[in-house]
Amino acid sequence: MRNPYDILGVPRTASEAEIKKAFRKLAKAHHPDRNANDPKAKDRFAELNAAYEILGEAGKRAQFDRGEIDAEGKPRFQGFEGFAGHPGGHDDFESFTFGFGPGGASRGRRSGGAGGAADDIFSQLFGEGFRAAERGRGRSTSRAKGEDIAATLEVTLEEVASEAKKRITLATGRDVDVVIPKGVADGQVIRLRGLGRAGAGEPGDLLLTIRILPHERFTVEGSNLRLRLPVEIEEAVLGASVRVPTLTGAVDMTIPPMTSSGRTFRLRGKGLPGKDGKGDLLVATEIKLPDKADEVLLDYARKRRSEKVV
């Protein structure tokens, strides 16, 4: 196998963050699911994974830099000192397994070892599908699952509308990027598998409660939004084109002549994203009177009142 630094395209002085960034970029580009027509993609992906298994863990990276292990993670031969006091010399190799498969000699690994850091990154890159595949690789179902953890994520309506990505820090100290799902409701609990505490078997889950923060303009009704829009009295009487705020920017809306206060107009697709498409914005007009008394308006009102009395 090639030098893991060369495989990831980073210098020996690269920081942990630089190594992680390089691996994420290359793993995403060369994942077999995204290169179904490339027969060599699987081999490149396996090579990247193996390189990150060494450089992604500080202990293994230090061993490699000191020459204690090779590019495949195997211990380098150090002479016969290790055989002293061990007749037959087999004890020093009990923690390693070696085998041969269709692709030739397999990499030597410590028994019980795992991809660790690489698995964690693949889970973030490719989601639940990757975790499910990993759980199916002969892992024992009898080992205790890790503890679930709970967290709360506060989001604005603008973030819900744009299906934004939010970063939260879990009780475990881990930072996780969460994409706000379509059709999410206030108080909804979302289960994110494998993001809980580690256990003897697979890790626990994260139970994430979504809290939608109140908005100064809009109220939520499922995937629809409601808005009360102040309009000038002359606009209501004569009709007009008015500007209506939405979560994605203001739009023009036409109100017809003699529009009463409380009349509701529907702007389709200007609500929140839902499982079956975007909701609507329901705009209720609210006629705004002048700040100062208008004699013409007052005379008109008096005349209207007197006519009703008669």
C-alpha atoms as a PDB file:
ATOM      1  CA  MET A   1       0.000   0.000   0.000  1.00  0.00           C
ATOM      2  CA  ARG A   2       1.160   3.554  -0.744  1.00  0.00           C
ATOM      3  CA  ASN A   3       2.162   6.041   1.904  1.00  0.00           C
ATOM      4  CA  PRO A   4      -1.063   7.199   3.647  1.00  0.00           C
ATOM      5  CA  TYR A   5       0.085  10.838   3.472  1.00  0.00           C
ATOM      6  CA  ASP A   6       0.369  10.523  -0.316  1.00  0.00           C
ATOM      7  CA  ILE A   7      -3.051   8.832  -0.558  1.00  0.00           C
ATOM      8  CA  LEU A   8      -4.760  11.695   1.303  1.00  0.00           C
ATOM      9  CA  GLY A   9      -2.601  14.308  -0.428  1.00  0.00           C
ATOM     10  CA  VAL A  10      -1.386  15.972   2.776  1.00  0.00           C
ATOM     11  CA  PRO A  11       2.128  16.707   4.082  1.00  0.00           C
ATOM     12  CA  ARG A  12       3.541  15.013   7.176  1.00  0.00           C
ATOM     13  CA  THR A  13       3.146  18.325   9.021  1.00  0.00           C
ATOM     14  CA  ALA A  14      -0.625  18.421   8.373  1.00  0.00           C
ATOM     15  CA  SER A  15      -2.837  19.070  11.365  1.00  0.00           C
ATOM     16  CA  GLU A  16      -5.576  16.699  12.517  1.00  0.00           C
ATOM     17  CA  ALA A  17      -8.184  19.053  11.054  1.00  0.00           C
ATOM     18  CA  GLU A  18      -6.401  19.205   7.680  1.00  0.00           C
ATOM     19  CA  ILE A  19      -6.222  15.416   7.510  1.00  0.00           C
ATOM     20  CA  LYS A  20      -9.898  15.071   8.382  1.00  0.00           C
ATOM     21  CA  LYS A  21     -10.885  17.683   5.793  1.00  0.00           C
ATOM     22  CA  ALA A  22      -8.847  15.984   3.061  1.00  0.00           C
ATOM     23  CA  PHE A  23     -10.331  12.586   3.865  1.00  0.00           C
ATOM     24  CA  ARG A  24     -13.924  13.878   3.888  1.00  0.00           C
ATOM     25  CA  LYS A  25     -13.438  15.493   0.487  1.00  0.00           C
ATOM     26  CA  LEU A  26     -11.844  12.443  -1.134  1.00  0.00           C
ATOM     27  CA  ALA A  27     -14.193   9.912   0.464  1.00  0.00           C
ATOM     28  CA  LYS A  28     -17.203  11.828  -0.753  1.00  0.00           C
ATOM     29  CA  ALA A  29     -15.792  12.064  -4.281  1.00  0.00           C
ATOM     30  CA  HIS A  30     -14.751   8.405  -4.558  1.00  0.00           C
ATOM     31  CA  HIS A  31     -17.557   6.646  -2.682  1.00  0.00           C
ATOM     32  CA  PRO A  32     -18.660   3.601  -4.762  1.00  0.00           C
ATOM     33  CA  ASP A  33     -22.319   4.626  -4.546  1.00  0.00           C
ATOM     34  CA  ARG A  34     -21.467   7.814  -6.401  1.00  0.00           C
ATOM     35  CA  ASN A  35     -19.235   6.098  -8.942  1.00  0.00           C
ATOM     36  CA  ALA A  36     -21.287   3.072  -9.901  1.00  0.00           C
ATOM     37  CA  ASN A  37     -19.810   2.966 -13.419  1.00  0.00           C
ATOM     38  CA  ASP A  38     -16.191   3.111 -12.267  1.00  0.00           C
ATOM     39  CA  PRO A  39     -14.859  -0.384 -11.419  1.00  0.00           C
ATOM     40  CA  LYS A  40     -11.820   1.091  -9.648  1.00  0.00           C
ATOM     41  CA  ALA A  41     -13.817   3.357  -7.318  1.00  0.00           C
ATOM     42  CA  LYS A  42     -14.213   0.605  -4.712  1.00  0.00           C
ATOM     43  CA  ASP A  43     -10.439   0.042  -4.542  1.00  0.00           C
ATOM     44  CA  ARG A  44      -9.711   3.777  -4.253  1.00  0.00           C
ATOM     45  CA  PHE A  45     -12.330   4.105  -1.546  1.00  0.00           C
ATOM     46  CA  ALA A  46     -10.843   1.174   0.408  1.00  0.00           C
ATOM     47  CA  GLU A  47      -7.374   2.721   0.083  1.00  0.00           C
ATOM     48  CA  LEU A  48      -8.636   6.049   1.442  1.00  0.00           C
ATOM     49  CA  ASN A  49     -10.323   4.296   4.337  1.00  0.00           C
ATOM     50  CA  ALA A  50      -7.160   2.380   5.210  1.00  0.00           C
ATOM     51  CA  ALA A  51      -5.037   5.543   5.045  1.00  0.00           C
ATOM     52  CA  TYR A  52      -7.387   7.405   7.357  1.00  0.00           C
ATOM     53  CA  GLU A  53      -7.455   4.503   9.804  1.00  0.00           C
ATOM     54  CA  ILE A  54      -3.791   5.290  10.408  1.00  0.00           C
ATOM     55  CA  LEU A  55      -3.602   9.068  10.088  1.00  0.00           C
ATOM     56  CA  GLY A  56      -7.018   9.727  11.634  1.00  0.00           C
ATOM     57  CA  GLU A  57      -5.972   8.295  15.012  1.00  0.00           C
ATOM     58  CA  ALA A  58      -3.224  10.130  16.849  1.00  0.00           C
ATOM     59  CA  GLY A  59      -1.747   6.950  18.339  1.00  0.00           C
ATOM     60  CA  LYS A  60      -1.494   5.069  15.043  1.00  0.00           C
ATOM     61  CA  ARG A  61      -0.191   8.134  13.259  1.00  0.00           C
ATOM     62  CA  ALA A  62       2.590   8.496  15.817  1.00  0.00           C
ATOM     63  CA  GLN A  63       3.449   4.794  15.442  1.00  0.00           C
ATOM     64  CA  PHE A  64       3.624   5.180  11.666  1.00  0.00           C
ATOM     65  CA  ASP A  65       5.777   8.319  11.897  1.00  0.00           C
ATOM     66  CA  ARG A  66       8.176   6.495  14.231  1.00  0.00           C
ATOM     67  CA  GLY A  67       8.328   3.539  11.838  1.00  0.00           C
ATOM     68  CA  GLU A  68       6.704   1.117  14.289  1.00  0.00           C
ATOM     69  CA  ILE A  69       3.915   0.186  11.860  1.00  0.00           C
ATOM     70  CA  ASP A  70       3.791   0.188   8.090  1.00  0.00           C
ATOM     71  CA  ALA A  71       1.285   1.773   5.691  1.00  0.00           C
ATOM     72  CA  GLU A  72      -1.115  -1.136   6.229  1.00  0.00           C
ATOM     73  CA  GLY A  73      -1.000  -0.850  10.013  1.00  0.00           C
ATOM     74  CA  LYS A  74       1.179  -3.944  10.451  1.00  0.00           C
ATOM     75  CA  PRO A  75       3.945  -3.861  13.057  1.00  0.00           C
ATOM     76  CA  ARG A  76       7.341  -3.589  11.436  1.00  0.00           C
ATOM     77  CA  PHE A  77       9.810  -6.400  12.150  1.00  0.00           C
ATOM     78  CA  GLN A  78      12.093  -5.279  14.989  1.00  0.00           C
ATOM     79  CA  GLY A  79      14.344  -8.320  15.367  1.00  0.00           C
ATOM     80  CA  PHE A  80      14.131 -11.267  17.787  1.00  0.00           C
ATOM     81  CA  GLU A  81      14.123  -9.359  21.092  1.00  0.00           C
ATOM     82  CA  GLY A  82      10.409  -9.963  21.478  1.00  0.00           C
ATOM     83  CA  PHE A  83      10.901 -13.731  21.650  1.00  0.00           C
ATOM     84  CA  ALA A  84      12.871 -13.649  24.887  1.00  0.00           C
ATOM     85  CA  GLY A  85      11.066 -15.640  27.588  1.00  0.00           C
ATOM     86  CA  HIS A  86       8.394 -16.885  25.143  1.00  0.00           C
ATOM     87  CA  PRO A  87       9.163 -20.373  23.903  1.00  0.00           C
ATOM     88  CA  GLY A  88       8.142 -20.753  20.321  1.00  0.00           C
ATOM     89  CA  GLY A  89       7.688 -17.012  20.013  1.00  0.00           C
ATOM     90  CA  HIS A  90       3.964 -17.230  19.206  1.00  0.00           C
ATOM     91  CA  ASP A  91       2.685 -15.103  22.117  1.00  0.00           C
ATOM     92  CA  ASP A  92       3.875 -11.845  20.559  1.00  0.00           C
ATOM     93  CA  PHE A  93       1.563 -12.328  17.595  1.00  0.00           C
ATOM     94  CA  GLU A  94      -1.655 -13.397  19.325  1.00  0.00           C
ATOM     95  CA  SER A  95      -3.223  -9.953  19.031  1.00  0.00           C
ATOM     96  CA  PHE A  96      -2.933  -9.877  15.247  1.00  0.00           C
ATOM     97  CA  THR A  97      -4.795 -11.789  12.569  1.00  0.00           C
ATOM     98  CA  PHE A  98      -3.584 -12.421   9.063  1.00  0.00           C
ATOM     99  CA  GLY A  99      -5.478 -13.906   6.159  1.00  0.00           C
ATOM    100  CA  PHE A 100      -5.737 -14.052   2.410  1.00  0.00           C
ATOM    101  CA  GLY A 101      -8.727 -13.158   0.276  1.00  0.00           C
ATOM    102  CA  PRO A 102      -9.536 -12.641  -3.394  1.00  0.00           C
ATOM    103  CA  GLY A 103      -7.467  -9.489  -3.497  1.00  0.00           C
ATOM    104  CA  GLY A 104      -4.303 -11.064  -2.127  1.00  0.00           C
ATOM    105  CA  ALA A 105      -2.851 -10.636   1.369  1.00  0.00           C
ATOM    106  CA  SER A 106      -5.223  -8.871   3.719  1.00  0.00           C
ATOM    107  CA  ARG A 107      -4.106  -6.090   6.036  1.00  0.00           C
ATOM    108  CA  GLY A 108      -3.001  -7.211   9.477  1.00  0.00           C
ATOM    109  CA  ARG A 109      -5.221  -5.760  12.203  1.00  0.00           C
ATOM    110  CA  ARG A 110      -5.496  -6.070  15.908  1.00  0.00           C
ATOM    111  CA  SER A 111      -8.349  -8.423  16.682  1.00  0.00           C
ATOM    112  CA  GLY A 112     -11.456  -6.486  17.628  1.00  0.00           C
ATOM    113  CA  GLY A 113     -10.150  -3.365  15.868  1.00  0.00           C
ATOM    114  CA  ALA A 114     -12.507  -1.085  13.906  1.00  0.00           C
ATOM    115  CA  GLY A 115     -12.427   1.796  11.468  1.00  0.00           C
ATOM    116  CA  GLY A 116     -13.254   4.157  14.346  1.00  0.00           C
ATOM    117  CA  ALA A 117     -12.631   7.667  13.058  1.00  0.00           C
ATOM    118  CA  ALA A 118     -13.376   6.719   9.459  1.00  0.00           C
ATOM    119  CA  ASP A 119     -16.732   5.183  10.433  1.00  0.00           C
ATOM    120  CA  ASP A 120     -17.665   8.370  12.235  1.00  0.00           C
ATOM    121  CA  ILE A 121     -16.952  10.517   9.180  1.00  0.00           C
ATOM    122  CA  PHE A 122     -18.794   8.138   6.823  1.00  0.00           C
ATOM    123  CA  SER A 123     -21.834   8.341   9.098  1.00  0.00           C
ATOM    124  CA  GLN A 124     -21.798  12.129   8.742  1.00  0.00           C
ATOM    125  CA  LEU A 125     -21.206  12.040   4.986  1.00  0.00           C
ATOM    126  CA  PHE A 126     -23.603   9.320   3.932  1.00  0.00           C
ATOM    127  CA  GLY A 127     -26.124   9.177   6.779  1.00  0.00           C
ATOM    128  CA  GLU A 128     -28.160   6.299   8.101  1.00  0.00           C
ATOM    129  CA  GLY A 129     -27.594   4.100   5.042  1.00  0.00           C
ATOM    130  CA  PHE A 130     -23.911   3.832   5.881  1.00  0.00           C
ATOM    131  CA  ARG A 131     -24.596   3.103   9.555  1.00  0.00           C
ATOM    132  CA  ALA A 132     -27.081   0.393   8.620  1.00  0.00           C
ATOM    133  CA  ALA A 133     -24.550  -1.221   6.296  1.00  0.00           C
ATOM    134  CA  GLU A 134     -21.889  -1.109   8.973  1.00  0.00           C
ATOM    135  CA  ARG A 135     -24.205  -2.672  11.545  1.00  0.00           C
ATOM    136  CA  GLY A 136     -24.726  -5.562   9.144  1.00  0.00           C
ATOM    137  CA  ARG A 137     -21.040  -6.473   8.922  1.00  0.00           C
ATOM    138  CA  GLY A 138     -21.113  -9.350  11.328  1.00  0.00           C
ATOM    139  CA  ARG A 139     -21.376  -7.230  14.455  1.00  0.00           C
ATOM    140  CA  SER A 140     -22.665  -9.137  17.427  1.00  0.00           C
ATOM    141  CA  THR A 141     -26.241  -8.266  18.347  1.00  0.00           C
ATOM    142  CA  SER A 142     -25.751  -9.548  21.883  1.00  0.00           C
ATOM    143  CA  ARG A 143     -23.437  -6.710  22.924  1.00  0.00           C
ATOM    144  CA  ALA A 144     -25.062  -3.921  24.940  1.00  0.00           C
ATOM    145  CA  LYS A 145     -26.110  -0.847  22.992  1.00  0.00           C
ATOM    146  CA  GLY A 146     -24.854   2.531  24.193  1.00  0.00           C
ATOM    147  CA  GLU A 147     -27.039   4.983  26.106  1.00  0.00           C
ATOM    148  CA  ASP A 148     -29.389   7.331  24.246  1.00  0.00           C
ATOM    149  CA  ILE A 149     -28.924  11.048  24.863  1.00  0.00           C
ATOM    150  CA  ALA A 150     -31.397  13.928  24.536  1.00  0.00           C
ATOM    151  CA  ALA A 151     -30.880  17.438  23.192  1.00  0.00           C
ATOM    152  CA  THR A 152     -33.000  20.431  22.127  1.00  0.00           C
ATOM    153  CA  LEU A 153     -32.527  22.356  18.898  1.00  0.00           C
ATOM    154  CA  GLU A 154     -34.038  25.856  18.660  1.00  0.00           C
ATOM    155  CA  VAL A 155     -34.746  27.031  15.112  1.00  0.00           C
ATOM    156  CA  THR A 156     -36.284  30.103  13.506  1.00  0.00           C
ATOM    157  CA  LEU A 157     -39.020  30.007  10.881  1.00  0.00           C
ATOM    158  CA  GLU A 158     -36.492  31.294   8.343  1.00  0.00           C
ATOM    159  CA  GLU A 159     -34.243  28.300   9.103  1.00  0.00           C
ATOM    160  CA  VAL A 160     -37.164  25.895   8.763  1.00  0.00           C
ATOM    161  CA  ALA A 161     -38.153  27.473   5.426  1.00  0.00           C
ATOM    162  CA  SER A 162     -34.625  27.145   4.015  1.00  0.00           C
ATOM    163  CA  GLU A 163     -34.060  23.637   5.482  1.00  0.00           C
ATOM    164  CA  ALA A 164     -30.920  25.049   7.047  1.00  0.00           C
ATOM    165  CA  LYS A 165     -28.059  23.093   8.567  1.00  0.00           C
ATOM    166  CA  LYS A 166     -27.487  23.751  12.280  1.00  0.00           C
ATOM    167  CA  ARG A 167     -24.498  22.727  14.398  1.00  0.00           C
ATOM    168  CA  ILE A 168     -25.097  21.583  17.959  1.00  0.00           C
ATOM    169  CA  THR A 169     -22.765  20.360  20.689  1.00  0.00           C
ATOM    170  CA  LEU A 170     -23.958  17.172  22.382  1.00  0.00           C
ATOM    171  CA  ALA A 171     -23.557  16.161  26.009  1.00  0.00           C
ATOM    172  CA  THR A 172     -20.775  13.858  24.836  1.00  0.00           C
ATOM    173  CA  GLY A 173     -18.793  16.909  23.666  1.00  0.00           C
ATOM    174  CA  ARG A 174     -19.269  15.988  20.033  1.00  0.00           C
ATOM    175  CA  ASP A 175     -20.299  18.621  17.443  1.00  0.00           C
ATOM    176  CA  VAL A 176     -22.988  17.458  15.011  1.00  0.00           C
ATOM    177  CA  ASP A 177     -24.444  19.174  11.929  1.00  0.00           C
ATOM    178  CA  VAL A 178     -28.210  18.655  11.693  1.00  0.00           C
ATOM    179  CA  VAL A 179     -30.255  19.444   8.579  1.00  0.00           C
ATOM    180  CA  ILE A 180     -33.736  20.647   9.567  1.00  0.00           C
ATOM    181  CA  PRO A 181     -36.122  18.092   8.000  1.00  0.00           C
ATOM    182  CA  LYS A 182     -39.148  18.980   5.872  1.00  0.00           C
ATOM    183  CA  GLY A 183     -42.472  19.160   7.664  1.00  0.00           C
ATOM    184  CA  VAL A 184     -40.897  19.474  11.108  1.00  0.00           C
ATOM    185  CA  ALA A 185     -43.248  20.668  13.870  1.00  0.00           C
ATOM    186  CA  ASP A 186     -42.623  22.427  17.151  1.00  0.00           C
ATOM    187  CA  GLY A 187     -41.979  19.861  19.891  1.00  0.00           C
ATOM    188  CA  GLN A 188     -41.288  17.043  17.439  1.00  0.00           C
ATOM    189  CA  VAL A 189     -38.670  14.528  18.583  1.00  0.00           C
ATOM    190  CA  ILE A 190     -36.285  13.212  15.918  1.00  0.00           C
ATOM    191  CA  ARG A 191     -34.197  10.091  16.491  1.00  0.00           C
ATOM    192  CA  LEU A 192     -30.690  10.249  14.997  1.00  0.00           C
ATOM    193  CA  ARG A 193     -29.205   6.785  15.189  1.00  0.00           C
ATOM    194  CA  GLY A 194     -25.670   6.170  16.334  1.00  0.00           C
ATOM    195  CA  LEU A 195     -25.097   9.657  17.787  1.00  0.00           C
ATOM    196  CA  GLY A 196     -25.559   8.686  21.441  1.00  0.00           C
ATOM    197  CA  ARG A 197     -23.020   7.360  23.924  1.00  0.00           C
ATOM    198  CA  ALA A 198     -20.684   4.540  22.989  1.00  0.00           C
ATOM    199  CA  GLY A 199     -21.407   1.071  24.333  1.00  0.00           C
ATOM    200  CA  ALA A 200     -20.024  -2.442  24.139  1.00  0.00           C
ATOM    201  CA  GLY A 201     -22.073  -2.859  20.953  1.00  0.00           C
ATOM    202  CA  GLU A 202     -23.361  -0.130  18.665  1.00  0.00           C
ATOM    203  CA  PRO A 203     -23.660   3.416  20.068  1.00  0.00           C
ATOM    204  CA  GLY A 204     -26.913   4.808  21.395  1.00  0.00           C
ATOM    205  CA  ASP A 205     -29.109   7.327  19.594  1.00  0.00           C
ATOM    206  CA  LEU A 206     -29.683  11.063  19.839  1.00  0.00           C
ATOM    207  CA  LEU A 207     -33.257  12.117  20.650  1.00  0.00           C
ATOM    208  CA  LEU A 208     -33.481  15.654  19.304  1.00  0.00           C
ATOM    209  CA  THR A 209     -36.457  17.856  20.260  1.00  0.00           C
ATOM    210  CA  ILE A 210     -37.192  20.661  17.785  1.00  0.00           C
ATOM    211  CA  ARG A 211     -38.325  24.004  19.204  1.00  0.00           C
ATOM    212  CA  ILE A 212     -39.535  26.593  16.688  1.00  0.00           C
ATOM    213  CA  LEU A 213     -38.971  30.080  18.054  1.00  0.00           C
ATOM    214  CA  PRO A 214     -41.883  32.572  17.990  1.00  0.00           C
ATOM    215  CA  HIS A 215     -41.851  35.025  15.058  1.00  0.00           C
ATOM    216  CA  GLU A 216     -42.721  38.707  15.278  1.00  0.00           C
ATOM    217  CA  ARG A 217     -44.860  38.576  12.111  1.00  0.00           C
ATOM    218  CA  PHE A 218     -45.938  35.036  11.288  1.00  0.00           C
ATOM    219  CA  THR A 219     -47.930  32.374  13.120  1.00  0.00           C
ATOM    220  CA  VAL A 220     -47.737  28.706  12.168  1.00  0.00           C
ATOM    221  CA  GLU A 221     -50.655  26.476  11.165  1.00  0.00           C
ATOM    222  CA  GLY A 222     -49.153  23.198  10.041  1.00  0.00           C
ATOM    223  CA  SER A 223     -47.191  24.009   6.893  1.00  0.00           C
ATOM    224  CA  ASN A 224     -49.183  27.239   6.381  1.00  0.00           C
ATOM    225  CA  LEU A 225     -48.312  30.635   7.809  1.00  0.00           C
ATOM    226  CA  ARG A 226     -50.634  33.492   8.809  1.00  0.00           C
ATOM    227  CA  LEU A 227     -49.833  37.184   8.576  1.00  0.00           C
ATOM    228  CA  ARG A 228     -51.810  40.319   9.471  1.00  0.00           C
ATOM    229  CA  LEU A 229     -50.984  43.024   6.922  1.00  0.00           C
ATOM    230  CA  PRO A 230     -51.738  46.705   7.701  1.00  0.00           C
ATOM    231  CA  VAL A 231     -53.078  48.615   4.653  1.00  0.00           C
ATOM    232  CA  GLU A 232     -53.897  52.273   4.272  1.00  0.00           C
ATOM    233  CA  ILE A 233     -57.572  53.197   4.150  1.00  0.00           C
ATOM    234  CA  GLU A 234     -57.265  54.584   0.614  1.00  0.00           C
ATOM    235  CA  GLU A 235     -55.644  51.325  -0.507  1.00  0.00           C
ATOM    236  CA  ALA A 236     -58.520  49.339   0.955  1.00  0.00           C
ATOM    237  CA  VAL A 237     -61.151  51.584  -0.640  1.00  0.00           C
ATOM    238  CA  LEU A 238     -59.573  52.081  -4.058  1.00  0.00           C
ATOM    239  CA  GLY A 239     -57.527  48.871  -4.361  1.00  0.00           C
ATOM    240  CA  ALA A 240     -53.742  48.755  -4.676  1.00  0.00           C
ATOM    241  CA  SER A 241     -50.610  46.677  -5.131  1.00  0.00           C
ATOM    242  CA  VAL A 242     -49.025  46.183  -1.701  1.00  0.00           C
ATOM    243  CA  ARG A 243     -45.734  44.631  -0.530  1.00  0.00           C
ATOM    244  CA  VAL A 244     -46.109  41.493   1.569  1.00  0.00           C
ATOM    245  CA  PRO A 245     -43.215  40.109   3.657  1.00  0.00           C
ATOM    246  CA  THR A 246     -42.485  36.375   3.360  1.00  0.00           C
ATOM    247  CA  LEU A 247     -39.804  34.142   4.867  1.00  0.00           C
ATOM    248  CA  THR A 248     -37.840  34.349   1.615  1.00  0.00           C
ATOM    249  CA  GLY A 249     -38.290  38.053   0.825  1.00  0.00           C
ATOM    250  CA  ALA A 250     -41.094  40.540   0.128  1.00  0.00           C
ATOM    251  CA  VAL A 251     -43.492  40.023  -2.810  1.00  0.00           C
ATOM    252  CA  ASP A 252     -46.219  42.122  -4.454  1.00  0.00           C
ATOM    253  CA  MET A 253     -49.894  41.351  -3.862  1.00  0.00           C
ATOM    254  CA  THR A 254     -52.916  43.057  -5.405  1.00  0.00           C
ATOM    255  CA  ILE A 255     -55.914  43.878  -3.218  1.00  0.00           C
ATOM    256  CA  PRO A 256     -59.169  44.782  -4.987  1.00  0.00           C
ATOM    257  CA  PRO A 257     -61.221  47.955  -4.312  1.00  0.00           C
ATOM    258  CA  MET A 258     -63.451  47.957  -1.215  1.00  0.00           C
ATOM    259  CA  THR A 259     -61.353  45.395   0.662  1.00  0.00           C
ATOM    260  CA  SER A 260     -62.616  45.018   4.204  1.00  0.00           C
ATOM    261  CA  SER A 261     -60.404  44.615   7.237  1.00  0.00           C
ATOM    262  CA  GLY A 262     -59.884  40.928   7.980  1.00  0.00           C
ATOM    263  CA  ARG A 263     -60.237  39.774   4.377  1.00  0.00           C
ATOM    264  CA  THR A 264     -57.779  36.924   3.778  1.00  0.00           C
ATOM    265  CA  PHE A 265     -55.669  36.345   0.675  1.00  0.00           C
ATOM    266  CA  ARG A 266     -53.707  33.178  -0.078  1.00  0.00           C
ATOM    267  CA  LEU A 267     -50.154  33.309  -1.455  1.00  0.00           C
ATOM    268  CA  ARG A 268     -49.439  29.767  -2.607  1.00  0.00           C
ATOM    269  CA  GLY A 269     -46.082  28.181  -1.888  1.00  0.00           C
ATOM    270  CA  LYS A 270     -44.972  30.937   0.500  1.00  0.00           C
ATOM    271  CA  GLY A 271     -45.394  28.858   3.635  1.00  0.00           C
ATOM    272  CA  LEU A 272     -43.166  26.210   5.205  1.00  0.00           C
ATOM    273  CA  PRO A 273     -41.773  23.151   3.411  1.00  0.00           C
ATOM    274  CA  GLY A 274     -43.861  20.034   4.075  1.00  0.00           C
ATOM    275  CA  LYS A 275     -43.668  16.397   3.110  1.00  0.00           C
ATOM    276  CA  ASP A 276     -46.110  17.018   0.250  1.00  0.00           C
ATOM    277  CA  GLY A 277     -44.744  20.370  -0.914  1.00  0.00           C
ATOM    278  CA  LYS A 278     -44.698  23.906   0.444  1.00  0.00           C
ATOM    279  CA  GLY A 279     -47.559  25.389   2.406  1.00  0.00           C
ATOM    280  CA  ASP A 280     -49.216  28.748   1.763  1.00  0.00           C
ATOM    281  CA  LEU A 281     -49.091  32.201   3.327  1.00  0.00           C
ATOM    282  CA  LEU A 282     -52.530  33.434   4.460  1.00  0.00           C
ATOM    283  CA  VAL A 283     -52.564  37.249   4.497  1.00  0.00           C
ATOM    284  CA  ALA A 284     -55.334  38.996   6.443  1.00  0.00           C
ATOM    285  CA  THR A 285     -55.740  42.741   5.742  1.00  0.00           C
ATOM    286  CA  GLU A 286     -55.864  45.154   8.649  1.00  0.00           C
ATOM    287  CA  ILE A 287     -57.061  48.647   7.670  1.00  0.00           C
ATOM    288  CA  LYS A 288     -54.904  51.328   9.213  1.00  0.00           C
ATOM    289  CA  LEU A 289     -56.500  54.714   9.990  1.00  0.00           C
ATOM    290  CA  PRO A 290     -54.525  57.974   9.658  1.00  0.00           C
ATOM    291  CA  ASP A 291     -52.458  59.003  12.666  1.00  0.00           C
ATOM    292  CA  LYS A 292     -54.036  62.479  12.608  1.00  0.00           C
ATOM    293  CA  ALA A 293     -57.722  63.311  12.246  1.00  0.00           C
ATOM    294  CA  ASP A 294     -58.708  63.992   8.651  1.00  0.00           C
ATOM    295  CA  GLU A 295     -61.643  66.438   8.396  1.00  0.00           C
ATOM    296  CA  VAL A 296     -62.793  65.070   5.054  1.00  0.00           C
ATOM    297  CA  LEU A 297     -62.799  61.542   6.463  1.00  0.00           C
ATOM    298  CA  LEU A 298     -64.565  62.724   9.618  1.00  0.00           C
ATOM    299  CA  ASP A 299     -67.271  64.494   7.590  1.00  0.00           C
ATOM    300  CA  TYR A 300     -67.777  61.356   5.532  1.00  0.00           C
ATOM    301  CA  ALA A 301     -68.100  59.241   8.688  1.00  0.00           C
ATOM    302  CA  ARG A 302     -70.591  61.692  10.240  1.00  0.00           C
ATOM    303  CA  LYS A 303     -72.654  61.686   7.068  1.00  0.00           C
ATOM    304  CA  ARG A 304     -72.687  57.870   6.973  1.00  0.00           C
ATOM    305  CA  ARG A 305     -73.789  57.743  10.610  1.00  0.00           C
ATOM    306  CA  SER A 306     -76.580  60.257  10.146  1.00  0.00           C
ATOM    307  CA  GLU A 307     -77.913  58.346   7.149  1.00  0.00           C
ATOM    308  CA  LYS A 308     -78.102  55.160   9.212  1.00  0.00           C
ATOM    309  CA  VAL A 309     -79.895  56.943  12.051  1.00  0.00           C
ATOM    310  CA  VAL A 310     -82.566  58.267   9.670  1.00  0.00           C
END
